[in-house]
């Protein structure tokens, strides 16, 4: 599984934050140490619960996107 993390330097420390979950944040003296500590923190966090994909209903214009893609009366040539 791949997850995005954001790593930046702040006052001589490297801060790694899990993308979309700012409550998981690591401070370390080096970039490599921050990434390694983040990996451990994510593994521990995922092991303590279930990782679930949640599908949300589309709203507005996106609700009809692709609705007619299988319509046999639709012409492919425009």
N, C-alpha and C. Protein backbone atom coordinates (compact mmCIF):
# COMPACT_ATOMS: atom_id res chain seq x y z
N UNK A 1 0.85 -1.16 0.00
CA UNK A 1 0.00 0.00 0.00
C UNK A 1 0.90 1.23 0.00
N UNK A 2 0.57 2.18 -0.80
CA UNK A 2 1.31 3.45 -0.85
C UNK A 2 0.41 4.54 -0.30
N UNK A 3 0.99 5.40 0.52
CA UNK A 3 0.25 6.53 1.06
C UNK A 3 1.09 7.79 0.89
N UNK A 4 0.44 8.92 0.65
CA UNK A 4 1.21 10.16 0.48
C UNK A 4 1.59 10.75 1.84
N UNK A 5 2.83 11.16 1.95
CA UNK A 5 3.25 11.91 3.13
C UNK A 5 3.91 13.20 2.66
N UNK A 6 3.80 14.20 3.48
CA UNK A 6 4.40 15.50 3.19
C UNK A 6 5.56 15.68 4.16
N UNK A 7 6.76 15.93 3.63
CA UNK A 7 7.95 16.11 4.46
C UNK A 7 8.50 17.51 4.19
N UNK A 8 8.73 18.25 5.26
CA UNK A 8 9.33 19.58 5.11
C UNK A 8 10.22 19.89 6.31
N UNK A 9 11.11 20.85 6.11
CA UNK A 9 12.03 21.25 7.19
C UNK A 9 11.42 22.42 7.94
N UNK A 10 11.53 22.36 9.26
CA UNK A 10 10.98 23.42 10.11
C UNK A 10 11.90 23.62 11.30
N UNK A 11 12.57 24.74 11.36
CA UNK A 11 13.49 25.07 12.47
C UNK A 11 14.53 23.99 12.72
N UNK A 12 15.14 23.48 11.65
CA UNK A 12 16.20 22.49 11.79
C UNK A 12 15.72 21.06 12.01
N UNK A 13 14.42 20.86 12.08
CA UNK A 13 13.84 19.52 12.22
C UNK A 13 13.07 19.20 10.94
N UNK A 14 12.92 17.92 10.67
CA UNK A 14 12.10 17.51 9.54
C UNK A 14 10.76 17.02 10.07
N UNK A 15 9.71 17.49 9.44
CA UNK A 15 8.35 17.15 9.85
C UNK A 15 7.72 16.33 8.72
N UNK A 16 7.22 15.16 9.07
CA UNK A 16 6.51 14.31 8.11
C UNK A 16 5.06 14.22 8.58
N UNK A 17 4.13 14.48 7.66
CA UNK A 17 2.71 14.45 7.98
C UNK A 17 2.01 13.56 6.96
N UNK A 18 1.12 12.71 7.45
CA UNK A 18 0.35 11.84 6.58
C UNK A 18 -0.65 12.67 5.81
N UNK A 19 -0.63 12.55 4.48
CA UNK A 19 -1.56 13.30 3.63
C UNK A 19 -3.00 12.98 3.99
N UNK A 20 -3.78 14.01 4.28
CA UNK A 20 -5.18 13.83 4.61
C UNK A 20 -5.44 13.44 6.06
N UNK A 21 -4.40 13.25 6.86
CA UNK A 21 -4.57 12.89 8.27
C UNK A 21 -3.52 13.61 9.09
N UNK A 22 -3.72 14.89 9.28
CA UNK A 22 -2.70 15.70 9.96
C UNK A 22 -2.48 15.30 11.41
N UNK A 23 -3.34 14.44 11.98
CA UNK A 23 -3.13 14.01 13.36
C UNK A 23 -1.96 13.05 13.47
N UNK A 24 -1.48 12.53 12.32
CA UNK A 24 -0.29 11.68 12.33
C UNK A 24 0.86 12.53 11.77
N UNK A 25 1.67 13.02 12.68
CA UNK A 25 2.77 13.90 12.32
C UNK A 25 4.01 13.50 13.12
N UNK A 26 5.16 13.54 12.48
CA UNK A 26 6.43 13.11 13.08
C UNK A 26 7.44 14.23 12.96
N UNK A 27 8.20 14.48 14.01
CA UNK A 27 9.35 15.39 13.97
C UNK A 27 10.60 14.55 14.17
N UNK A 28 11.62 14.80 13.36
CA UNK A 28 12.87 14.05 13.48
C UNK A 28 14.03 14.93 13.02
N UNK A 29 15.25 14.59 13.43
CA UNK A 29 16.40 15.42 13.08
C UNK A 29 16.82 15.34 11.61
N UNK A 30 16.47 14.25 10.92
CA UNK A 30 16.81 14.12 9.51
C UNK A 30 15.59 13.71 8.71
N UNK A 31 15.68 13.95 7.41
CA UNK A 31 14.57 13.57 6.51
C UNK A 31 14.35 12.07 6.54
N UNK A 32 15.44 11.30 6.44
CA UNK A 32 15.32 9.83 6.44
C UNK A 32 14.71 9.32 7.75
N UNK A 33 15.11 9.92 8.87
CA UNK A 33 14.56 9.51 10.17
C UNK A 33 13.07 9.84 10.25
N UNK A 34 12.67 10.97 9.69
CA UNK A 34 11.25 11.35 9.70
C UNK A 34 10.43 10.38 8.87
N UNK A 35 10.95 9.99 7.72
CA UNK A 35 10.23 9.05 6.85
C UNK A 35 10.13 7.68 7.51
N UNK A 36 11.22 7.21 8.10
CA UNK A 36 11.21 5.90 8.77
C UNK A 36 10.25 5.90 9.96
N UNK A 37 10.27 6.97 10.73
CA UNK A 37 9.36 7.06 11.88
C UNK A 37 7.91 7.15 11.42
N UNK A 38 7.66 7.83 10.30
CA UNK A 38 6.30 7.93 9.76
C UNK A 38 5.82 6.56 9.31
N UNK A 39 6.68 5.78 8.68
CA UNK A 39 6.30 4.44 8.25
C UNK A 39 5.88 3.60 9.47
N UNK A 40 6.66 3.66 10.53
CA UNK A 40 6.34 2.92 11.74
C UNK A 40 5.00 3.40 12.33
N UNK A 41 4.80 4.70 12.37
CA UNK A 41 3.56 5.26 12.92
C UNK A 41 2.34 4.83 12.10
N UNK A 42 2.47 4.85 10.78
CA UNK A 42 1.35 4.43 9.92
C UNK A 42 1.06 2.96 10.11
N UNK A 43 2.11 2.13 10.14
CA UNK A 43 1.91 0.69 10.34
C UNK A 43 1.20 0.42 11.67
N UNK A 44 1.60 1.12 12.70
CA UNK A 44 0.99 0.95 14.03
C UNK A 44 -0.47 1.42 13.99
N UNK A 45 -0.71 2.53 13.32
CA UNK A 45 -2.07 3.09 13.23
C UNK A 45 -2.99 2.15 12.46
N UNK A 46 -2.53 1.62 11.33
CA UNK A 46 -3.33 0.72 10.51
C UNK A 46 -3.57 -0.60 11.24
N UNK A 47 -2.58 -1.08 11.99
CA UNK A 47 -2.71 -2.35 12.72
C UNK A 47 -3.75 -2.26 13.83
N UNK A 48 -4.02 -1.05 14.31
CA UNK A 48 -4.97 -0.91 15.42
C UNK A 48 -6.41 -0.76 14.97
N UNK A 49 -6.66 -0.78 13.67
CA UNK A 49 -8.03 -0.63 13.17
C UNK A 49 -8.13 -1.13 11.75
N UNK A 50 -9.25 -0.84 11.13
CA UNK A 50 -9.49 -1.25 9.75
C UNK A 50 -9.32 -0.06 8.82
N UNK A 51 -8.67 -0.30 7.70
CA UNK A 51 -8.57 0.70 6.66
C UNK A 51 -9.72 0.43 5.70
N UNK A 52 -10.63 1.37 5.59
CA UNK A 52 -11.85 1.18 4.82
C UNK A 52 -11.93 2.25 3.74
N UNK A 53 -12.30 1.85 2.53
CA UNK A 53 -12.55 2.81 1.47
C UNK A 53 -14.03 3.16 1.51
N UNK A 54 -14.33 4.42 1.56
CA UNK A 54 -15.69 4.90 1.67
C UNK A 54 -16.08 5.60 0.38
N UNK A 55 -17.11 5.11 -0.29
CA UNK A 55 -17.61 5.74 -1.50
C UNK A 55 -18.70 6.73 -1.12
N UNK A 56 -18.53 7.96 -1.54
CA UNK A 56 -19.53 8.98 -1.29
C UNK A 56 -20.34 9.22 -2.54
N UNK A 57 -21.63 9.50 -2.39
CA UNK A 57 -22.44 9.77 -3.57
C UNK A 57 -22.00 11.06 -4.25
N UNK A 58 -22.06 11.05 -5.56
CA UNK A 58 -21.71 12.25 -6.32
C UNK A 58 -22.87 13.23 -6.23
N UNK A 59 -22.54 14.51 -6.28
CA UNK A 59 -23.56 15.55 -6.21
C UNK A 59 -23.40 16.50 -7.37
N UNK A 60 -24.46 17.18 -7.70
CA UNK A 60 -24.43 18.18 -8.75
C UNK A 60 -24.14 17.57 -10.11
N UNK A 61 -23.37 18.27 -10.91
CA UNK A 61 -23.06 17.84 -12.27
C UNK A 61 -22.35 16.49 -12.28
N UNK A 62 -21.49 16.23 -11.32
CA UNK A 62 -20.74 14.97 -11.27
C UNK A 62 -21.67 13.78 -11.06
N UNK A 63 -22.88 14.00 -10.57
CA UNK A 63 -23.81 12.90 -10.35
C UNK A 63 -24.23 12.25 -11.66
N UNK A 64 -24.18 13.01 -12.76
CA UNK A 64 -24.60 12.43 -14.05
C UNK A 64 -23.42 12.07 -14.94
N UNK A 65 -22.21 12.36 -14.51
CA UNK A 65 -21.03 12.04 -15.32
C UNK A 65 -20.96 10.54 -15.58
N UNK A 66 -20.90 10.15 -16.83
CA UNK A 66 -20.79 8.75 -17.20
C UNK A 66 -22.10 8.00 -17.18
N UNK A 67 -23.19 8.66 -16.85
CA UNK A 67 -24.49 7.99 -16.71
C UNK A 67 -24.93 7.33 -18.01
N UNK A 68 -24.61 7.92 -19.13
CA UNK A 68 -25.08 7.41 -20.42
C UNK A 68 -23.99 6.73 -21.24
N UNK A 69 -22.88 6.35 -20.63
CA UNK A 69 -21.77 5.77 -21.38
C UNK A 69 -22.12 4.44 -22.04
N UNK A 70 -23.07 3.70 -21.48
CA UNK A 70 -23.46 2.41 -22.05
C UNK A 70 -24.75 2.47 -22.87
N UNK A 71 -25.20 3.67 -23.16
CA UNK A 71 -26.44 3.85 -23.92
C UNK A 71 -26.20 3.44 -25.38
N UNK A 72 -26.91 2.39 -25.86
CA UNK A 72 -26.67 1.90 -27.21
C UNK A 72 -27.10 2.89 -28.29
N UNK A 73 -27.93 3.88 -27.96
CA UNK A 73 -28.36 4.84 -28.96
C UNK A 73 -27.39 6.01 -29.10
N UNK A 74 -26.42 6.05 -28.24
CA UNK A 74 -25.42 7.12 -28.27
C UNK A 74 -24.42 6.84 -29.39
N UNK A 75 -24.15 7.83 -30.18
CA UNK A 75 -23.18 7.68 -31.29
C UNK A 75 -21.78 8.04 -30.79
N UNK A 76 -20.80 7.19 -31.12
CA UNK A 76 -19.41 7.47 -30.75
C UNK A 76 -18.80 8.56 -31.62
N UNK A 77 -19.28 8.68 -32.86
CA UNK A 77 -18.73 9.68 -33.76
C UNK A 77 -19.49 10.99 -33.61
N UNK A 78 -18.78 12.02 -33.44
CA UNK A 78 -19.41 13.34 -33.26
C UNK A 78 -18.84 14.29 -34.27
